[in-house]
Protein backbone atom coordinates (compact mmCIF):
# COMPACT_ATOMS: atom_id res chain seq x y z
CA MET A 1 15.57 19.83 7.31
CA GLY A 2 12.39 21.22 7.20
CA GLU A 3 9.25 19.21 8.46
CA TRP A 4 6.50 17.78 6.00
CA THR A 5 3.13 19.19 6.02
CA LEU A 6 -0.16 17.37 5.48
CA GLU A 7 -2.69 18.45 3.02
CA THR A 8 -6.22 16.75 2.60
CA THR A 9 -8.53 16.60 -0.42
CA ASP A 10 -12.34 16.94 -0.30
CA VAL A 11 -12.81 13.41 -1.17
CA TYR A 12 -10.44 12.35 1.75
CA LEU A 13 -12.46 14.28 4.05
CA ARG A 14 -15.73 13.00 2.95
CA ARG A 15 -14.45 9.37 3.43
CA HIS A 16 -12.82 10.16 6.72
CA LYS A 17 -16.24 11.29 8.05
CA TYR A 18 -17.93 7.92 6.53
CA TYR A 19 -15.29 5.52 7.93
CA GLU A 20 -15.56 7.43 11.29
CA LYS A 21 -19.19 6.52 11.53
CA LYS A 22 -19.26 2.97 9.54
CA HIS A 23 -15.65 1.59 10.03
CA PRO A 24 -14.17 3.13 12.96
CA HIS A 25 -11.64 0.22 13.67
CA GLU A 26 -10.44 0.38 10.27
CA LEU A 27 -10.06 4.11 10.33
CA ALA A 28 -8.19 4.09 13.59
CA ALA A 29 -5.93 1.20 12.18
CA VAL A 30 -4.89 3.36 8.88
CA MET A 31 -4.67 6.48 11.08
CA GLY A 32 -2.36 4.67 13.33
CA ASN A 33 -0.25 3.42 10.29
CA LEU A 34 -0.32 7.07 8.87
CA ASP A 35 1.32 8.34 12.02
CA ALA A 36 3.89 6.01 11.96
CA TYR A 37 4.57 6.66 8.15
CA PHE A 38 4.63 10.52 8.81
CA GLU A 39 6.95 10.28 11.71
CA THR A 40 9.63 8.16 9.70
CA LEU A 41 9.08 10.41 6.80
CA ASN A 42 10.23 13.57 9.07
CA LYS A 43 12.84 11.42 10.21
CA VAL A 44 14.40 10.14 6.88
CA ASN A 45 13.05 13.00 4.66
CA ASN A 46 12.83 10.60 1.42
CA PRO A 47 9.47 8.78 0.88
CA LEU A 48 11.47 6.02 -1.05
CA GLN A 49 13.36 5.11 2.43
CA VAL A 50 10.02 4.81 4.34
CA LYS A 51 9.39 0.78 4.42
CA ALA A 52 6.90 -1.00 6.47
CA GLY A 53 4.51 -3.80 5.69
CA PHE A 54 1.37 -1.61 5.63
CA ILE A 55 2.74 0.49 2.80
CA HIS A 56 1.89 -0.29 -0.92
CA ASN A 57 3.47 1.25 -3.93
CA GLU A 58 0.82 2.48 -6.32
CA PRO A 59 1.11 4.26 -9.88
CA ASP A 60 2.57 7.71 -9.96
CA GLY A 61 4.33 7.84 -6.76
CA ILE A 62 1.12 7.05 -4.92
CA LYS A 63 1.29 4.99 -1.79
CA GLY A 64 -1.57 2.90 -0.21
CA ILE A 65 -1.41 2.75 3.65
CA ASP A 66 -3.63 -0.33 4.82
CA GLN A 67 -5.24 -1.32 8.17
CA LYS A 68 -2.33 -4.14 8.95
CA GLY A 69 -0.51 -4.40 12.41
CA GLY A 70 -1.34 -2.43 15.65
CA GLY A 71 -2.36 -5.78 17.33
CA GLN A 72 -5.92 -5.44 16.60
CA LYS A 73 -8.38 -7.40 18.61
CA VAL A 74 -11.26 -7.20 16.14
CA LYS A 75 -10.96 -8.72 12.67
CA LEU A 76 -10.60 -5.75 10.39
CA GLN A 77 -12.18 -5.41 6.81
CA GLN A 78 -9.77 -4.32 4.27
CA ALA A 79 -9.08 -0.71 4.07
CA ARG A 80 -6.43 1.65 2.31
CA LEU A 81 -5.70 5.27 2.72
CA TYR A 82 -4.37 6.70 -0.42
CA ILE A 83 -1.51 9.37 -0.01
CA PHE A 84 1.21 10.92 -2.30
CA PRO A 85 4.32 12.24 -0.78
CA ASN A 86 5.51 15.45 -2.85
CA SER A 87 9.17 15.74 -2.34
CA SER A 88 9.49 18.92 -4.20
CA ASP A 89 7.44 20.78 -1.80
CA LYS A 90 7.71 18.37 1.18
CA THR A 91 3.77 17.86 1.28
CA LEU A 92 2.18 14.67 2.19
CA TYR A 93 -1.23 14.63 0.44
CA LEU A 94 -3.90 12.70 1.91
CA LEU A 95 -6.11 11.77 -1.43
CA THR A 96 -8.83 9.26 -0.30
CA ILE A 97 -10.00 6.19 1.90
CA GLY A 98 -11.44 3.10 0.46
CA ASP A 99 -11.75 -0.68 0.31
CA LYS A 100 -11.29 -3.36 -2.30
CA SER A 101 -14.53 -2.56 -3.97
CA SER A 102 -13.31 1.07 -4.64
CA GLN A 103 -9.76 0.24 -5.10
CA ARG A 104 -9.68 0.53 -8.69
CA ASP A 105 -11.70 4.00 -8.68
CA ASP A 106 -9.85 5.28 -5.95
CA ILE A 107 -6.37 4.71 -7.64
CA ASN A 108 -7.68 6.33 -10.69
CA PHE A 109 -8.94 9.38 -8.86
CA CYS A 110 -5.34 9.60 -7.06
CA ARG A 111 -3.48 9.39 -10.43
CA GLU A 112 -5.83 12.09 -11.92
CA TYR A 113 -5.41 14.38 -8.81
CA VAL A 114 -1.57 13.98 -8.83
CA ARG A 115 -1.28 14.72 -12.34
CA LYS A 116 -3.46 17.76 -12.08
CA ASP A 117 -1.94 18.79 -8.95
CA MET A 118 1.75 18.69 -10.51
CA GLN A 119 0.81 20.48 -13.65
CA THR A 120 -0.47 23.35 -11.58
CA LYS A 121 2.51 23.42 -9.23
CA GLU A 122 4.80 23.52 -12.45
CA VAL A 123 2.89 26.65 -13.98
CA LYS A 124 3.02 28.38 -10.57
CA ASP A 125 6.64 27.80 -10.35
CA GLU A 126 7.01 29.21 -13.89
CA HIS A 127 5.52 32.29 -13.01
CA LYS A 128 7.51 32.98 -10.10
CA ILE A 129 10.51 33.37 -12.47
């Protein structure tokens, strides 16, 4: 069983930088939960088997990782890191980070990204034959 790899989007990198400055506690919490998810994913090798209270299933196989857990001493604002575990190439895509106010737009962005990414990969795979 090979290890999973991480891949980020430009949107994720911009939002990560914003959260580092404006919401460092929330970022630390979601990144800690991402570490736990990624570690478990590498052990079980199947995204459907990874279960935790901080994981939310979104449409099209997208997952939301929130800020819950970790024994935070500070009351955290709601935040979600949206990811997509692609089992076919064992890549965990870090799509974006957002809060309740951006949730609808974040999910729409993620769905569009996943659809485009999967179409691109299918075309590349067809040309390998």
